[in-house]
Each structure stands twice: as C-alpha cells, then as structure tokens.
C-alpha cells in the first residue's frame, strides 16, 4: 500500500508519477523500466505481475 513517501517519484526517469495524495502513474508515459518497483520500500508497485499476464 502506498504511504505517500515519494520514493518512486525521485527514481522515475520518465517523470510520470505524481502524489495525489498517493502515487499515481501516468501509463501513457511510463516505460515500465521497473525503477519505482525496485526502489519502493513497501511493495506497493509491482510491474512483474502485470508483465507476466501480458506475456502469457
């Protein structure tokens, strides 16, 4: 669950994450690089599950 710490915003190279009051990803600009997933300390962002579903 997002706690609004902003860690994902700092590492996002596409700058597509905002806090409103929790993290919101603009999927039109997200490159799914995984930077936010690998940095976020609370496991609130998980692209791995989404990627697995797309590849099936």
PDB file of N, CA and C in Angstrom:
ATOM      1  N   UNK A   1       0.839  -1.179   0.000  1.00  0.00           N
ATOM      2  CA  UNK A   1       0.000   0.000   0.000  1.00  0.00           C
ATOM      3  C   UNK A   1       0.889   1.249   0.000  1.00  0.00           C
ATOM      4  N   UNK A   2       0.549   2.180  -0.842  1.00  0.00           N
ATOM      5  CA  UNK A   2       1.297   3.439  -0.929  1.00  0.00           C
ATOM      6  C   UNK A   2       1.087   4.249   0.352  1.00  0.00           C
ATOM      7  N   UNK A   3       2.202   4.759   0.868  1.00  0.00           N
ATOM      8  CA  UNK A   3       2.145   5.604   2.059  1.00  0.00           C
ATOM      9  C   UNK A   3       2.467   7.061   1.737  1.00  0.00           C
ATOM     10  N   UNK A   4       2.668   7.358   0.440  1.00  0.00           N
ATOM     11  CA  UNK A   4       2.923   8.733   0.020  1.00  0.00           C
ATOM     12  C   UNK A   4       4.312   9.232   0.326  1.00  0.00           C
ATOM     13  N   UNK A   5       5.299   8.343   0.370  1.00  0.00           N
ATOM     14  CA  UNK A   5       6.664   8.769   0.726  1.00  0.00           C
ATOM     15  C   UNK A   5       7.372   9.492  -0.414  1.00  0.00           C
ATOM     16  N   UNK A   6       6.970   9.243  -1.665  1.00  0.00           N
ATOM     17  CA  UNK A   6       7.568   9.921  -2.806  1.00  0.00           C
ATOM     18  C   UNK A   6       8.843   9.292  -3.329  1.00  0.00           C
ATOM     19  N   UNK A   7       9.258   8.157  -2.779  1.00  0.00           N
ATOM     20  CA  UNK A   7      10.493   7.500  -3.233  1.00  0.00           C
ATOM     21  C   UNK A   7      10.420   7.148  -4.716  1.00  0.00           C
ATOM     22  N   UNK A   8       9.266   6.733  -5.189  1.00  0.00           N
ATOM     23  CA  UNK A   8       9.108   6.341  -6.595  1.00  0.00           C
ATOM     24  C   UNK A   8       9.255   7.546  -7.530  1.00  0.00           C
ATOM     25  N   UNK A   9       8.810   8.706  -7.098  1.00  0.00           N
ATOM     26  CA  UNK A   9       8.898   9.916  -7.915  1.00  0.00           C
ATOM     27  C   UNK A   9      10.356  10.290  -8.166  1.00  0.00           C
ATOM     28  N   UNK A  10      11.170  10.149  -7.138  1.00  0.00           N
ATOM     29  CA  UNK A  10      12.581  10.523  -7.239  1.00  0.00           C
ATOM     30  C   UNK A  10      13.353   9.666  -8.219  1.00  0.00           C
ATOM     31  N   UNK A  11      12.977   8.401  -8.411  1.00  0.00           N
ATOM     32  CA  UNK A  11      13.746   7.495  -9.265  1.00  0.00           C
ATOM     33  C   UNK A  11      13.148   7.303 -10.656  1.00  0.00           C
ATOM     34  N   UNK A  12      11.979   7.828 -10.916  1.00  0.00           N
ATOM     35  CA  UNK A  12      11.304   7.615 -12.199  1.00  0.00           C
ATOM     36  C   UNK A  12      11.963   8.432 -13.314  1.00  0.00           C
ATOM     37  N   UNK A  13      12.621   7.764 -14.281  1.00  0.00           N
ATOM     38  CA  UNK A  13      13.274   8.503 -15.363  1.00  0.00           C
ATOM     39  C   UNK A  13      12.277   9.161 -16.326  1.00  0.00           C
ATOM     40  N   UNK A  14      11.064   8.636 -16.394  1.00  0.00           N
ATOM     41  CA  UNK A  14      10.036   9.206 -17.276  1.00  0.00           C
ATOM     42  C   UNK A  14       9.265  10.336 -16.599  1.00  0.00           C
ATOM     43  N   UNK A  15       9.491  10.523 -15.304  1.00  0.00           N
ATOM     44  CA  UNK A  15       8.805  11.563 -14.525  1.00  0.00           C
ATOM     45  C   UNK A  15       7.291  11.491 -14.701  1.00  0.00           C
ATOM     46  N   UNK A  16       6.755  10.282 -14.602  1.00  0.00           N
ATOM     47  CA  UNK A  16       5.326  10.097 -14.850  1.00  0.00           C
ATOM     48  C   UNK A  16       4.546   9.730 -13.588  1.00  0.00           C
ATOM     49  N   UNK A  17       5.143   9.947 -12.409  1.00  0.00           N
ATOM     50  CA  UNK A  17       4.475   9.632 -11.149  1.00  0.00           C
ATOM     51  C   UNK A  17       4.222  10.911 -10.372  1.00  0.00           C
ATOM     52  N   UNK A  18       2.997  11.047  -9.859  1.00  0.00           N
ATOM     53  CA  UNK A  18       2.630  12.186  -9.015  1.00  0.00           C
ATOM     54  C   UNK A  18       1.987  11.659  -7.738  1.00  0.00           C
ATOM     55  N   UNK A  19       1.926  12.493  -6.714  1.00  0.00           N
ATOM     56  CA  UNK A  19       1.234  12.146  -5.475  1.00  0.00           C
ATOM     57  C   UNK A  19      -0.061  12.926  -5.398  1.00  0.00           C
ATOM     58  N   UNK A  20      -1.175  12.203  -5.240  1.00  0.00           N
ATOM     59  CA  UNK A  20      -2.499  12.854  -5.230  1.00  0.00           C
ATOM     60  C   UNK A  20      -3.476  12.218  -4.246  1.00  0.00           C
ATOM     61  N   UNK A  21      -3.376  12.015  -3.035  1.00  0.00           N
ATOM     62  CA  UNK A  21      -2.215  12.122  -2.161  1.00  0.00           C
ATOM     63  C   UNK A  21      -1.316  10.887  -2.214  1.00  0.00           C
ATOM     64  N   UNK A  22      -1.710   9.868  -2.969  1.00  0.00           N
ATOM     65  CA  UNK A  22      -0.882   8.674  -3.121  1.00  0.00           C
ATOM     66  C   UNK A  22      -0.322   8.616  -4.533  1.00  0.00           C
ATOM     67  N   UNK A  23       0.631   7.742  -4.763  1.00  0.00           N
ATOM     68  CA  UNK A  23       1.297   7.651  -6.059  1.00  0.00           C
ATOM     69  C   UNK A  23       0.303   7.303  -7.166  1.00  0.00           C
ATOM     70  N   UNK A  24       0.369   8.090  -8.233  1.00  0.00           N
ATOM     71  CA  UNK A  24      -0.431   7.858  -9.421  1.00  0.00           C
ATOM     72  C   UNK A  24       0.517   7.832 -10.607  1.00  0.00           C
ATOM     73  N   UNK A  25       0.466   6.759 -11.392  1.00  0.00           N
ATOM     74  CA  UNK A  25       1.353   6.598 -12.537  1.00  0.00           C
ATOM     75  C   UNK A  25       0.596   6.939 -13.811  1.00  0.00           C
ATOM     76  N   UNK A  26       1.148   7.833 -14.615  1.00  0.00           N
ATOM     77  CA  UNK A  26       0.572   8.167 -15.915  1.00  0.00           C
ATOM     78  C   UNK A  26       1.075   7.120 -16.911  1.00  0.00           C
ATOM     79  N   UNK A  27       0.240   6.127 -17.171  1.00  0.00           N
ATOM     80  CA  UNK A  27       0.645   4.991 -18.005  1.00  0.00           C
ATOM     81  C   UNK A  27       0.941   5.368 -19.453  1.00  0.00           C
ATOM     82  N   UNK A  28       0.499   6.525 -19.883  1.00  0.00           N
ATOM     83  CA  UNK A  28       0.796   6.985 -21.244  1.00  0.00           C
ATOM     84  C   UNK A  28       2.288   7.285 -21.407  1.00  0.00           C
ATOM     85  N   UNK A  29       2.970   7.601 -20.302  1.00  0.00           N
ATOM     86  CA  UNK A  29       4.386   7.960 -20.358  1.00  0.00           C
ATOM     87  C   UNK A  29       5.301   6.943 -19.675  1.00  0.00           C
ATOM     88  N   UNK A  30       4.722   6.014 -18.925  1.00  0.00           N
ATOM     89  CA  UNK A  30       5.508   5.018 -18.204  1.00  0.00           C
ATOM     90  C   UNK A  30       6.167   4.049 -19.188  1.00  0.00           C
ATOM     91  N   UNK A  31       7.455   3.809 -19.000  1.00  0.00           N
ATOM     92  CA  UNK A  31       8.196   2.886 -19.866  1.00  0.00           C
ATOM     93  C   UNK A  31       8.331   1.505 -19.226  1.00  0.00           C
ATOM     94  N   UNK A  32       7.752   1.331 -18.030  1.00  0.00           N
ATOM     95  CA  UNK A  32       7.810   0.080 -17.282  1.00  0.00           C
ATOM     96  C   UNK A  32       9.250  -0.369 -17.049  1.00  0.00           C
ATOM     97  N   UNK A  33      10.122   0.588 -16.757  1.00  0.00           N
ATOM     98  CA  UNK A  33      11.543   0.288 -16.533  1.00  0.00           C
ATOM     99  C   UNK A  33      11.775  -0.458 -15.228  1.00  0.00           C
ATOM    100  N   UNK A  34      10.859  -0.330 -14.273  1.00  0.00           N
ATOM    101  CA  UNK A  34      10.988  -1.031 -13.005  1.00  0.00           C
ATOM    102  C   UNK A  34      11.706  -0.254 -11.920  1.00  0.00           C
ATOM    103  N   UNK A  35      12.135   0.974 -12.211  1.00  0.00           N
ATOM    104  CA  UNK A  35      12.857   1.763 -11.205  1.00  0.00           C
ATOM    105  C   UNK A  35      12.016   1.980  -9.954  1.00  0.00           C
ATOM    106  N   UNK A  36      10.754   2.298 -10.120  1.00  0.00           N
ATOM    107  CA  UNK A  36       9.884   2.539  -8.969  1.00  0.00           C
ATOM    108  C   UNK A  36       9.661   1.253  -8.182  1.00  0.00           C
ATOM    109  N   UNK A  37       9.485   0.159  -8.873  1.00  0.00           N
ATOM    110  CA  UNK A  37       9.260  -1.128  -8.218  1.00  0.00           C
ATOM    111  C   UNK A  37      10.478  -1.546  -7.390  1.00  0.00           C
ATOM    112  N   UNK A  38      11.671  -1.338  -7.923  1.00  0.00           N
ATOM    113  CA  UNK A  38      12.893  -1.748  -7.242  1.00  0.00           C
ATOM    114  C   UNK A  38      13.274  -0.829  -6.089  1.00  0.00           C
ATOM    115  N   UNK A  39      12.786   0.401  -6.078  1.00  0.00           N
ATOM    116  CA  UNK A  39      13.138   1.371  -5.047  1.00  0.00           C
ATOM    117  C   UNK A  39      12.124   1.424  -3.924  1.00  0.00           C
ATOM    118  N   UNK A  40      10.895   1.157  -4.235  1.00  0.00           N
ATOM    119  CA  UNK A  40       9.812   1.359  -3.280  1.00  0.00           C
ATOM    120  C   UNK A  40       9.914   0.399  -2.105  1.00  0.00           C
ATOM    121  N   UNK A  41       9.987   0.918  -0.873  1.00  0.00           N
ATOM    122  CA  UNK A  41      10.219   0.064   0.296  1.00  0.00           C
ATOM    123  C   UNK A  41       8.996  -0.707   0.799  1.00  0.00           C
ATOM    124  N   UNK A  42       7.798  -0.449   0.282  1.00  0.00           N
ATOM    125  CA  UNK A  42       6.594  -1.061   0.838  1.00  0.00           C
ATOM    126  C   UNK A  42       5.884  -2.016  -0.123  1.00  0.00           C
ATOM    127  N   UNK A  43       6.510  -2.381  -1.232  1.00  0.00           N
ATOM    128  CA  UNK A  43       5.947  -3.318  -2.207  1.00  0.00           C
ATOM    129  C   UNK A  43       4.562  -2.910  -2.714  1.00  0.00           C
ATOM    130  N   UNK A  44       4.338  -1.618  -2.883  1.00  0.00           N
ATOM    131  CA  UNK A  44       3.048  -1.150  -3.373  1.00  0.00           C
ATOM    132  C   UNK A  44       2.996  -1.148  -4.899  1.00  0.00           C
ATOM    133  N   UNK A  45       4.154  -1.146  -5.549  1.00  0.00           N
ATOM    134  CA  UNK A  45       4.206  -1.136  -7.005  1.00  0.00           C
ATOM    135  C   UNK A  45       4.767  -2.465  -7.464  1.00  0.00           C
ATOM    136  N   UNK A  46       4.050  -3.162  -8.329  1.00  0.00           N
ATOM    137  CA  UNK A  46       4.507  -4.468  -8.780  1.00  0.00           C
ATOM    138  C   UNK A  46       4.259  -4.698 -10.248  1.00  0.00           C
ATOM    139  N   UNK A  47       5.197  -4.280 -11.084  1.00  0.00           N
ATOM    140  CA  UNK A  47       5.044  -4.473 -12.527  1.00  0.00           C
ATOM    141  C   UNK A  47       5.236  -5.913 -12.951  1.00  0.00           C
ATOM    142  N   UNK A  48       5.940  -6.700 -12.165  1.00  0.00           N
ATOM    143  CA  UNK A  48       6.234  -8.084 -12.530  1.00  0.00           C
ATOM    144  C   UNK A  48       4.946  -8.849 -12.805  1.00  0.00           C
ATOM    145  N   UNK A  49       3.945  -8.681 -11.978  1.00  0.00           N
ATOM    146  CA  UNK A  49       2.680  -9.375 -12.156  1.00  0.00           C
ATOM    147  C   UNK A  49       1.992  -8.946 -13.444  1.00  0.00           C
ATOM    148  N   UNK A  50       2.028  -7.669 -13.748  1.00  0.00           N
ATOM    149  CA  UNK A  50       1.405  -7.154 -14.964  1.00  0.00           C
ATOM    150  C   UNK A  50       2.140  -7.696 -16.196  1.00  0.00           C
ATOM    151  N   UNK A  51       3.471  -7.676 -16.168  1.00  0.00           N
ATOM    152  CA  UNK A  51       4.249  -8.165 -17.299  1.00  0.00           C
ATOM    153  C   UNK A  51       3.998  -9.640 -17.551  1.00  0.00           C
ATOM    154  N   UNK A  52       3.869 -10.428 -16.505  1.00  0.00           N
ATOM    155  CA  UNK A  52       3.614 -11.848 -16.656  1.00  0.00           C
ATOM    156  C   UNK A  52       2.280 -12.088 -17.350  1.00  0.00           C
ATOM    157  N   UNK A  53       1.269 -11.350 -17.001  1.00  0.00           N
ATOM    158  CA  UNK A  53      -0.043 -11.517 -17.615  1.00  0.00           C
ATOM    159  C   UNK A  53      -0.021 -11.144 -19.084  1.00  0.00           C
ATOM    160  N   UNK A  54       0.741 -10.125 -19.450  1.00  0.00           N
ATOM    161  CA  UNK A  54       0.816  -9.686 -20.844  1.00  0.00           C
ATOM    162  C   UNK A  54       1.542 -10.720 -21.696  1.00  0.00           C
ATOM    163  N   UNK A  55       2.579 -11.332 -21.157  1.00  0.00           N
ATOM    164  CA  UNK A  55       3.401 -12.282 -21.906  1.00  0.00           C
ATOM    165  C   UNK A  55       2.710 -13.620 -22.122  1.00  0.00           C
ATOM    166  N   UNK A  56       1.726 -13.972 -21.314  1.00  0.00           N
ATOM    167  CA  UNK A  56       1.071 -15.265 -21.439  1.00  0.00           C
ATOM    168  C   UNK A  56       0.329 -15.429 -22.694  1.00  0.00           C
TER     169      UNK A  56
END
